[in-house]
Amino acid sequence: MNSDMSERDSNVRVVDCRGMACPEPVWRTRRAIEGLPPGTELDVLATDPMAELDLTVFCQRTGHELVRADTRDGVLRARIRVRPAQPPGAG
């Protein structure tokens, strides 16, 4: 474990999409987020070169927060924070 990882990171859910091509990483991320409470964070691991752009657009369209996205050794690790639920009738 990296020394820069916080204790909070141990509670982060992981969606492993390594080896999957577009649009699978976004689909899997969307499914993983369904039903999660607001503020929950998940790490999406992906090797698809378009995954960072795709996840950025996904977050912009859905209101989830892309906290960070880092690529190391060909693997993207994108941290996404689940947005608060919309009040009834909003949006």
PDB file of N, CA and C in Angstrom:
ATOM      1  N   MET A   1       0.851  -1.175   0.000  1.00  0.00           N
ATOM      2  CA  MET A   1       0.000   0.000   0.000  1.00  0.00           C
ATOM      3  C   MET A   1       0.894   1.233   0.000  1.00  0.00           C
ATOM      4  N   ASN A   2       0.529   2.229  -0.805  1.00  0.00           N
ATOM      5  CA  ASN A   2       1.297   3.463  -0.858  1.00  0.00           C
ATOM      6  C   ASN A   2       1.171   4.223   0.446  1.00  0.00           C
ATOM      7  N   SER A   3       2.232   4.878   0.836  1.00  0.00           N
ATOM      8  CA  SER A   3       2.193   5.654   2.068  1.00  0.00           C
ATOM      9  C   SER A   3       1.293   6.877   1.937  1.00  0.00           C
ATOM     10  N   ASP A   4       0.994   7.322   0.698  1.00  0.00           N
ATOM     11  CA  ASP A   4       0.146   8.497   0.524  1.00  0.00           C
ATOM     12  C   ASP A   4      -1.339   8.148   0.502  1.00  0.00           C
ATOM     13  N   MET A   5      -1.670   6.878   0.639  1.00  0.00           N
ATOM     14  CA  MET A   5      -3.074   6.480   0.682  1.00  0.00           C
ATOM     15  C   MET A   5      -3.595   6.683   2.096  1.00  0.00           C
ATOM     16  N   SER A   6      -4.766   7.268   2.196  1.00  0.00           N
ATOM     17  CA  SER A   6      -5.335   7.508   3.517  1.00  0.00           C
ATOM     18  C   SER A   6      -6.130   6.292   3.955  1.00  0.00           C
ATOM     19  N   GLU A   7      -6.472   6.267   5.226  1.00  0.00           N
ATOM     20  CA  GLU A   7      -7.309   5.198   5.752  1.00  0.00           C
ATOM     21  C   GLU A   7      -8.641   5.177   5.022  1.00  0.00           C
ATOM     22  N   ARG A   8      -9.113   6.350   4.628  1.00  0.00           N
ATOM     23  CA  ARG A   8     -10.376   6.465   3.913  1.00  0.00           C
ATOM     24  C   ARG A   8     -10.350   5.671   2.602  1.00  0.00           C
ATOM     25  N   ASP A   9      -9.180   5.573   1.965  1.00  0.00           N
ATOM     26  CA  ASP A   9      -9.068   4.842   0.706  1.00  0.00           C
ATOM     27  C   ASP A   9      -9.463   3.381   0.846  1.00  0.00           C
ATOM     28  N   SER A  10      -9.356   2.815   2.038  1.00  0.00           N
ATOM     29  CA  SER A  10      -9.711   1.411   2.214  1.00  0.00           C
ATOM     30  C   SER A  10     -11.214   1.193   2.065  1.00  0.00           C
ATOM     31  N   ASN A  11     -12.019   2.259   2.156  1.00  0.00           N
ATOM     32  CA  ASN A  11     -13.463   2.155   2.000  1.00  0.00           C
ATOM     33  C   ASN A  11     -13.935   2.494   0.589  1.00  0.00           C
ATOM     34  N   VAL A  12     -13.016   2.812  -0.295  1.00  0.00           N
ATOM     35  CA  VAL A  12     -13.360   3.172  -1.667  1.00  0.00           C
ATOM     36  C   VAL A  12     -13.660   1.906  -2.448  1.00  0.00           C
ATOM     37  N   ARG A  13     -14.749   1.934  -3.189  1.00  0.00           N
ATOM     38  CA  ARG A  13     -15.096   0.790  -4.032  1.00  0.00           C
ATOM     39  C   ARG A  13     -14.271   0.848  -5.307  1.00  0.00           C
ATOM     40  N   VAL A  14     -13.981  -0.314  -5.880  1.00  0.00           N
ATOM     41  CA  VAL A  14     -13.157  -0.382  -7.089  1.00  0.00           C
ATOM     42  C   VAL A  14     -13.955  -1.037  -8.213  1.00  0.00           C
ATOM     43  N   VAL A  15     -13.906  -0.403  -9.382  1.00  0.00           N
ATOM     44  CA  VAL A  15     -14.494  -0.956 -10.597  1.00  0.00           C
ATOM     45  C   VAL A  15     -13.320  -1.255 -11.522  1.00  0.00           C
ATOM     46  N   ASP A  16     -13.023  -2.525 -11.722  1.00  0.00           N
ATOM     47  CA  ASP A  16     -11.861  -2.927 -12.520  1.00  0.00           C
ATOM     48  C   ASP A  16     -12.290  -3.164 -13.960  1.00  0.00           C
ATOM     49  N   CYS A  17     -11.925  -2.245 -14.832  1.00  0.00           N
ATOM     50  CA  CYS A  17     -12.282  -2.321 -16.255  1.00  0.00           C
ATOM     51  C   CYS A  17     -11.046  -2.514 -17.121  1.00  0.00           C
ATOM     52  N   ARG A  18      -9.962  -2.960 -16.521  1.00  0.00           N
ATOM     53  CA  ARG A  18      -8.743  -3.172 -17.307  1.00  0.00           C
ATOM     54  C   ARG A  18      -9.003  -4.207 -18.381  1.00  0.00           C
ATOM     55  N   GLY A  19      -8.525  -3.923 -19.598  1.00  0.00           N
ATOM     56  CA  GLY A  19      -8.692  -4.820 -20.721  1.00  0.00           C
ATOM     57  C   GLY A  19     -10.012  -4.652 -21.466  1.00  0.00           C
ATOM     58  N   MET A  20     -10.876  -3.768 -20.987  1.00  0.00           N
ATOM     59  CA  MET A  20     -12.177  -3.540 -21.631  1.00  0.00           C
ATOM     60  C   MET A  20     -12.107  -2.314 -22.515  1.00  0.00           C
ATOM     61  N   ALA A  21     -12.826  -2.374 -23.636  1.00  0.00           N
ATOM     62  CA  ALA A  21     -12.856  -1.262 -24.578  1.00  0.00           C
ATOM     63  C   ALA A  21     -14.123  -0.431 -24.384  1.00  0.00           C
ATOM     64  N   CYS A  22     -14.075   0.779 -24.877  1.00  0.00           N
ATOM     65  CA  CYS A  22     -15.201   1.696 -24.854  1.00  0.00           C
ATOM     66  C   CYS A  22     -16.407   1.025 -25.514  1.00  0.00           C
ATOM     67  N   PRO A  23     -17.563   1.124 -24.940  1.00  0.00           N
ATOM     68  CA  PRO A  23     -18.004   1.959 -23.831  1.00  0.00           C
ATOM     69  C   PRO A  23     -18.113   1.201 -22.504  1.00  0.00           C
ATOM     70  N   GLU A  24     -17.550   0.000 -22.430  1.00  0.00           N
ATOM     71  CA  GLU A  24     -17.700  -0.850 -21.242  1.00  0.00           C
ATOM     72  C   GLU A  24     -17.285  -0.177 -19.925  1.00  0.00           C
ATOM     73  N   PRO A  25     -16.152   0.547 -19.862  1.00  0.00           N
ATOM     74  CA  PRO A  25     -15.803   1.186 -18.581  1.00  0.00           C
ATOM     75  C   PRO A  25     -16.888   2.144 -18.067  1.00  0.00           C
ATOM     76  N   VAL A  26     -17.499   2.911 -18.952  1.00  0.00           N
ATOM     77  CA  VAL A  26     -18.558   3.833 -18.518  1.00  0.00           C
ATOM     78  C   VAL A  26     -19.788   3.054 -18.089  1.00  0.00           C
ATOM     79  N   TRP A  27     -20.171   2.025 -18.822  1.00  0.00           N
ATOM     80  CA  TRP A  27     -21.341   1.211 -18.442  1.00  0.00           C
ATOM     81  C   TRP A  27     -21.143   0.585 -17.071  1.00  0.00           C
ATOM     82  N   ARG A  28     -19.962   0.019 -16.866  1.00  0.00           N
ATOM     83  CA  ARG A  28     -19.689  -0.621 -15.572  1.00  0.00           C
ATOM     84  C   ARG A  28     -19.672   0.403 -14.437  1.00  0.00           C
ATOM     85  N   THR A  29     -19.139   1.584 -14.717  1.00  0.00           N
ATOM     86  CA  THR A  29     -19.130   2.643 -13.714  1.00  0.00           C
ATOM     87  C   THR A  29     -20.560   3.061 -13.376  1.00  0.00           C
ATOM     88  N   ARG A  30     -21.376   3.251 -14.382  1.00  0.00           N
ATOM     89  CA  ARG A  30     -22.778   3.642 -14.166  1.00  0.00           C
ATOM     90  C   ARG A  30     -23.496   2.601 -13.306  1.00  0.00           C
ATOM     91  N   ARG A  31     -23.304   1.325 -13.630  1.00  0.00           N
ATOM     92  CA  ARG A  31     -23.944   0.253 -12.844  1.00  0.00           C
ATOM     93  C   ARG A  31     -23.425   0.234 -11.410  1.00  0.00           C
ATOM     94  N   ALA A  32     -22.137   0.468 -11.229  1.00  0.00           N
ATOM     95  CA  ALA A  32     -21.559   0.441  -9.882  1.00  0.00           C
ATOM     96  C   ALA A  32     -22.100   1.584  -9.028  1.00  0.00           C
ATOM     97  N   ILE A  33     -22.379   2.720  -9.649  1.00  0.00           N
ATOM     98  CA  ILE A  33     -22.859   3.896  -8.914  1.00  0.00           C
ATOM     99  C   ILE A  33     -24.315   3.751  -8.500  1.00  0.00           C
ATOM    100  N   GLU A  34     -25.110   3.032  -9.288  1.00  0.00           N
ATOM    101  CA  GLU A  34     -26.536   2.902  -8.993  1.00  0.00           C
ATOM    102  C   GLU A  34     -26.746   2.402  -7.565  1.00  0.00           C
ATOM    103  N   GLY A  35     -27.528   3.143  -6.816  1.00  0.00           N
ATOM    104  CA  GLY A  35     -27.869   2.742  -5.462  1.00  0.00           C
ATOM    105  C   GLY A  35     -26.847   3.090  -4.402  1.00  0.00           C
ATOM    106  N   LEU A  36     -25.699   3.658  -4.797  1.00  0.00           N
ATOM    107  CA  LEU A  36     -24.705   4.049  -3.792  1.00  0.00           C
ATOM    108  C   LEU A  36     -25.125   5.352  -3.135  1.00  0.00           C
ATOM    109  N   PRO A  37     -24.865   5.503  -1.845  1.00  0.00           N
ATOM    110  CA  PRO A  37     -25.224   6.758  -1.190  1.00  0.00           C
ATOM    111  C   PRO A  37     -24.349   7.910  -1.673  1.00  0.00           C
ATOM    112  N   PRO A  38     -24.887   9.137  -1.650  1.00  0.00           N
ATOM    113  CA  PRO A  38     -24.102  10.306  -2.038  1.00  0.00           C
ATOM    114  C   PRO A  38     -22.815  10.390  -1.221  1.00  0.00           C
ATOM    115  N   GLY A  39     -21.767  10.834  -1.887  1.00  0.00           N
ATOM    116  CA  GLY A  39     -20.480  10.984  -1.222  1.00  0.00           C
ATOM    117  C   GLY A  39     -19.607   9.752  -1.295  1.00  0.00           C
ATOM    118  N   THR A  40     -20.199   8.600  -1.665  1.00  0.00           N
ATOM    119  CA  THR A  40     -19.402   7.393  -1.831  1.00  0.00           C
ATOM    120  C   THR A  40     -18.397   7.624  -2.956  1.00  0.00           C
ATOM    121  N   GLU A  41     -17.201   7.095  -2.787  1.00  0.00           N
ATOM    122  CA  GLU A  41     -16.187   7.238  -3.822  1.00  0.00           C
ATOM    123  C   GLU A  41     -15.845   5.880  -4.402  1.00  0.00           C
ATOM    124  N   LEU A  42     -15.545   5.893  -5.695  1.00  0.00           N
ATOM    125  CA  LEU A  42     -15.074   4.662  -6.302  1.00  0.00           C
ATOM    126  C   LEU A  42     -13.917   4.965  -7.225  1.00  0.00           C
ATOM    127  N   ASP A  43     -13.024   4.002  -7.321  1.00  0.00           N
ATOM    128  CA  ASP A  43     -11.904   4.073  -8.242  1.00  0.00           C
ATOM    129  C   ASP A  43     -12.239   3.210  -9.440  1.00  0.00           C
ATOM    130  N   VAL A  44     -12.090   3.785 -10.614  1.00  0.00           N
ATOM    131  CA  VAL A  44     -12.281   3.035 -11.852  1.00  0.00           C
ATOM    132  C   VAL A  44     -10.896   2.796 -12.434  1.00  0.00           C
ATOM    133  N   LEU A  45     -10.558   1.529 -12.637  1.00  0.00           N
ATOM    134  CA  LEU A  45      -9.288   1.155 -13.258  1.00  0.00           C
ATOM    135  C   LEU A  45      -9.569   0.792 -14.705  1.00  0.00           C
ATOM    136  N   ALA A  46      -8.836   1.394 -15.628  1.00  0.00           N
ATOM    137  CA  ALA A  46      -9.084   1.147 -17.047  1.00  0.00           C
ATOM    138  C   ALA A  46      -7.801   1.271 -17.849  1.00  0.00           C
ATOM    139  N   THR A  47      -7.726   0.500 -18.930  1.00  0.00           N
ATOM    140  CA  THR A  47      -6.589   0.574 -19.839  1.00  0.00           C
ATOM    141  C   THR A  47      -6.982   1.146 -21.198  1.00  0.00           C
ATOM    142  N   ASP A  48      -8.262   1.334 -21.437  1.00  0.00           N
ATOM    143  CA  ASP A  48      -8.735   1.933 -22.687  1.00  0.00           C
ATOM    144  C   ASP A  48      -8.212   3.368 -22.769  1.00  0.00           C
ATOM    145  N   PRO A  49      -7.518   3.733 -23.853  1.00  0.00           N
ATOM    146  CA  PRO A  49      -6.952   5.071 -23.945  1.00  0.00           C
ATOM    147  C   PRO A  49      -7.994   6.198 -23.908  1.00  0.00           C
ATOM    148  N   MET A  50      -9.241   5.903 -24.213  1.00  0.00           N
ATOM    149  CA  MET A  50     -10.296   6.918 -24.199  1.00  0.00           C
ATOM    150  C   MET A  50     -11.049   6.972 -22.872  1.00  0.00           C
ATOM    151  N   ALA A  51     -10.707   6.116 -21.937  1.00  0.00           N
ATOM    152  CA  ALA A  51     -11.478   6.013 -20.687  1.00  0.00           C
ATOM    153  C   ALA A  51     -11.499   7.314 -19.893  1.00  0.00           C
ATOM    154  N   GLU A  52     -10.382   8.022 -19.811  1.00  0.00           N
ATOM    155  CA  GLU A  52     -10.373   9.260 -19.031  1.00  0.00           C
ATOM    156  C   GLU A  52     -11.344  10.280 -19.622  1.00  0.00           C
ATOM    157  N   LEU A  53     -11.304  10.465 -20.929  1.00  0.00           N
ATOM    158  CA  LEU A  53     -12.223  11.387 -21.578  1.00  0.00           C
ATOM    159  C   LEU A  53     -13.669  10.927 -21.397  1.00  0.00           C
ATOM    160  N   ASP A  54     -13.916   9.638 -21.607  1.00  0.00           N
ATOM    161  CA  ASP A  54     -15.269   9.101 -21.472  1.00  0.00           C
ATOM    162  C   ASP A  54     -15.811   9.291 -20.060  1.00  0.00           C
ATOM    163  N   LEU A  55     -14.997   9.039 -19.047  1.00  0.00           N
ATOM    164  CA  LEU A  55     -15.442   9.186 -17.665  1.00  0.00           C
ATOM    165  C   LEU A  55     -15.627  10.657 -17.296  1.00  0.00           C
ATOM    166  N   THR A  56     -14.810  11.528 -17.855  1.00  0.00           N
ATOM    167  CA  THR A  56     -14.969  12.964 -17.631  1.00  0.00           C
ATOM    168  C   THR A  56     -16.322  13.430 -18.159  1.00  0.00           C
ATOM    169  N   VAL A  57     -16.657  13.025 -19.378  1.00  0.00           N
ATOM    170  CA  VAL A  57     -17.943  13.395 -19.979  1.00  0.00           C
ATOM    171  C   VAL A  57     -19.092  12.774 -19.187  1.00  0.00           C
ATOM    172  N   PHE A  58     -18.940  11.510 -18.778  1.00  0.00           N
ATOM    173  CA  PHE A  58     -19.965  10.845 -17.972  1.00  0.00           C
ATOM    174  C   PHE A  58     -20.252  11.649 -16.701  1.00  0.00           C
ATOM    175  N   CYS A  59     -19.201  12.080 -16.012  1.00  0.00           N
ATOM    176  CA  CYS A  59     -19.381  12.846 -14.773  1.00  0.00           C
ATOM    177  C   CYS A  59     -20.024  14.197 -15.053  1.00  0.00           C
ATOM    178  N   GLN A  60     -19.621  14.864 -16.116  1.00  0.00           N
ATOM    179  CA  GLN A  60     -20.219  16.153 -16.453  1.00  0.00           C
ATOM    180  C   GLN A  60     -21.716  16.002 -16.724  1.00  0.00           C
ATOM    181  N   ARG A  61     -22.104  14.934 -17.390  1.00  0.00           N
ATOM    182  CA  ARG A  61     -23.510  14.737 -17.761  1.00  0.00           C
ATOM    183  C   ARG A  61     -24.376  14.248 -16.607  1.00  0.00           C
ATOM    184  N   THR A  62     -23.776  13.566 -15.644  1.00  0.00           N
ATOM    185  CA  THR A  62     -24.562  12.970 -14.563  1.00  0.00           C
ATOM    186  C   THR A  62     -24.455  13.730 -13.245  1.00  0.00           C
ATOM    187  N   GLY A  63     -23.509  14.656 -13.148  1.00  0.00           N
ATOM    188  CA  GLY A  63     -23.350  15.428 -11.925  1.00  0.00           C
ATOM    189  C   GLY A  63     -22.448  14.784 -10.893  1.00  0.00           C
ATOM    190  N   HIS A  64     -21.889  13.615 -11.195  1.00  0.00           N
ATOM    191  CA  HIS A  64     -20.915  13.018 -10.283  1.00  0.00           C
ATOM    192  C   HIS A  64     -19.607  13.799 -10.407  1.00  0.00           C
ATOM    193  N   GLU A  65     -18.760  13.704  -9.395  1.00  0.00           N
ATOM    194  CA  GLU A  65     -17.521  14.473  -9.387  1.00  0.00           C
ATOM    195  C   GLU A  65     -16.329  13.589  -9.720  1.00  0.00           C
ATOM    196  N   LEU A  66     -15.601  13.970 -10.753  1.00  0.00           N
ATOM    197  CA  LEU A  66     -14.334  13.309 -11.055  1.00  0.00           C
ATOM    198  C   LEU A  66     -13.293  13.979 -10.170  1.00  0.00           C
ATOM    199  N   VAL A  67     -12.934  13.299  -9.092  1.00  0.00           N
ATOM    200  CA  VAL A  67     -12.031  13.873  -8.091  1.00  0.00           C
ATOM    201  C   VAL A  67     -10.619  13.956  -8.638  1.00  0.00           C
ATOM    202  N   ARG A  68     -10.172  12.896  -9.292  1.00  0.00           N
ATOM    203  CA  ARG A  68      -8.837  12.888  -9.899  1.00  0.00           C
ATOM    204  C   ARG A  68      -8.760  11.748 -10.898  1.00  0.00           C
ATOM    205  N   ALA A  69      -7.802  11.878 -11.788  1.00  0.00           N
ATOM    206  CA  ALA A  69      -7.548  10.823 -12.769  1.00  0.00           C
ATOM    207  C   ALA A  69      -6.047  10.792 -13.018  1.00  0.00           C
ATOM    208  N   ASP A  70      -5.436   9.657 -12.737  1.00  0.00           N
ATOM    209  CA  ASP A  70      -3.992   9.487 -12.916  1.00  0.00           C
ATOM    210  C   ASP A  70      -3.751   8.234 -13.735  1.00  0.00           C
ATOM    211  N   THR A  71      -2.797   8.324 -14.659  1.00  0.00           N
ATOM    212  CA  THR A  71      -2.418   7.150 -15.437  1.00  0.00           C
ATOM    213  C   THR A  71      -0.982   6.796 -15.115  1.00  0.00           C
ATOM    214  N   ARG A  72      -0.799   5.536 -14.728  1.00  0.00           N
ATOM    215  CA  ARG A  72       0.546   5.013 -14.439  1.00  0.00           C
ATOM    216  C   ARG A  72       0.666   3.656 -15.082  1.00  0.00           C
ATOM    217  N   ASP A  73       1.767   3.445 -15.774  1.00  0.00           N
ATOM    218  CA  ASP A  73       2.040   2.154 -16.415  1.00  0.00           C
ATOM    219  C   ASP A  73       0.867   1.702 -17.283  1.00  0.00           C
ATOM    220  N   GLY A  74       0.233   2.664 -17.964  1.00  0.00           N
ATOM    221  CA  GLY A  74      -0.842   2.338 -18.892  1.00  0.00           C
ATOM    222  C   GLY A  74      -2.192   2.066 -18.245  1.00  0.00           C
ATOM    223  N   VAL A  75      -2.293   2.266 -16.929  1.00  0.00           N
ATOM    224  CA  VAL A  75      -3.562   2.023 -16.231  1.00  0.00           C
ATOM    225  C   VAL A  75      -4.077   3.342 -15.658  1.00  0.00           C
ATOM    226  N   LEU A  76      -5.284   3.700 -16.073  1.00  0.00           N
ATOM    227  CA  LEU A  76      -5.958   4.870 -15.529  1.00  0.00           C
ATOM    228  C   LEU A  76      -6.604   4.495 -14.211  1.00  0.00           C
ATOM    229  N   ARG A  77      -6.433   5.347 -13.212  1.00  0.00           N
ATOM    230  CA  ARG A  77      -7.174   5.219 -11.953  1.00  0.00           C
ATOM    231  C   ARG A  77      -7.935   6.525 -11.797  1.00  0.00           C
ATOM    232  N   ALA A  78      -9.248   6.449 -11.987  1.00  0.00           N
ATOM    233  CA  ALA A  78     -10.111   7.621 -11.878  1.00  0.00           C
ATOM    234  C   ALA A  78     -10.921   7.498 -10.599  1.00  0.00           C
ATOM    235  N   ARG A  79     -10.872   8.527  -9.755  1.00  0.00           N
ATOM    236  CA  ARG A  79     -11.649   8.563  -8.508  1.00  0.00           C
ATOM    237  C   ARG A  79     -12.908   9.381  -8.769  1.00  0.00           C
ATOM    238  N   ILE A  80     -14.067   8.783  -8.541  1.00  0.00           N
ATOM    239  CA  ILE A  80     -15.354   9.441  -8.761  1.00  0.00           C
ATOM    240  C   ILE A  80     -16.122   9.478  -7.453  1.00  0.00           C
ATOM    241  N   ARG A  81     -16.694  10.643  -7.142  1.00  0.00           N
ATOM    242  CA  ARG A  81     -17.536  10.807  -5.952  1.00  0.00           C
ATOM    243  C   ARG A  81     -18.989  10.892  -6.408  1.00  0.00           C
ATOM    244  N   VAL A  82     -19.837  10.048  -5.815  1.00  0.00           N
ATOM    245  CA  VAL A  82     -21.254   9.994  -6.175  1.00  0.00           C
ATOM    246  C   VAL A  82     -21.931  11.295  -5.750  1.00  0.00           C
ATOM    247  N   ARG A  83     -22.701  11.867  -6.657  1.00  0.00           N
ATOM    248  CA  ARG A  83     -23.395  13.131  -6.397  1.00  0.00           C
ATOM    249  C   ARG A  83     -24.575  12.914  -5.467  1.00  0.00           C
ATOM    250  N   PRO A  84     -24.997  13.982  -4.808  1.00  0.00           N
ATOM    251  CA  PRO A  84     -26.216  13.884  -4.019  1.00  0.00           C
ATOM    252  C   PRO A  84     -27.416  13.607  -4.921  1.00  0.00           C
ATOM    253  N   ALA A  85     -28.414  12.956  -4.383  1.00  0.00           N
ATOM    254  CA  ALA A  85     -29.625  12.659  -5.143  1.00  0.00           C
ATOM    255  C   ALA A  85     -30.343  13.956  -5.479  1.00  0.00           C
ATOM    256  N   GLN A  86     -30.982  13.983  -6.638  1.00  0.00           N
ATOM    257  CA  GLN A  86     -31.795  15.126  -7.040  1.00  0.00           C
ATOM    258  C   GLN A  86     -33.092  15.136  -6.256  1.00  0.00           C
ATOM    259  N   PRO A  87     -33.542  16.282  -5.790  1.00  0.00           N
ATOM    260  CA  PRO A  87     -34.860  16.327  -5.144  1.00  0.00           C
ATOM    261  C   PRO A  87     -35.951  16.009  -6.168  1.00  0.00           C
ATOM    262  N   PRO A  88     -37.077  15.439  -5.718  1.00  0.00           N
ATOM    263  CA  PRO A  88     -38.140  15.123  -6.665  1.00  0.00           C
ATOM    264  C   PRO A  88     -38.538  16.344  -7.472  1.00  0.00           C
ATOM    265  N   GLY A  89     -38.708  16.143  -8.775  1.00  0.00           N
ATOM    266  CA  GLY A  89     -39.097  17.224  -9.670  1.00  0.00           C
ATOM    267  C   GLY A  89     -37.949  18.080 -10.165  1.00  0.00           C
ATOM    268  N   ALA A  90     -36.731  17.850  -9.673  1.00  0.00           N
ATOM    269  CA  ALA A  90     -35.577  18.647 -10.112  1.00  0.00           C
ATOM    270  C   ALA A  90     -35.029  18.080 -11.409  1.00  0.00           C
ATOM    271  N   GLY A  91     -34.446  18.934 -12.207  1.00  0.00           N
ATOM    272  CA  GLY A  91     -33.733  18.551 -13.400  1.00  0.00           C
ATOM    273  C   GLY A  91     -34.606  18.186 -14.506  1.00  0.00           C
TER     274      GLY A  91
END
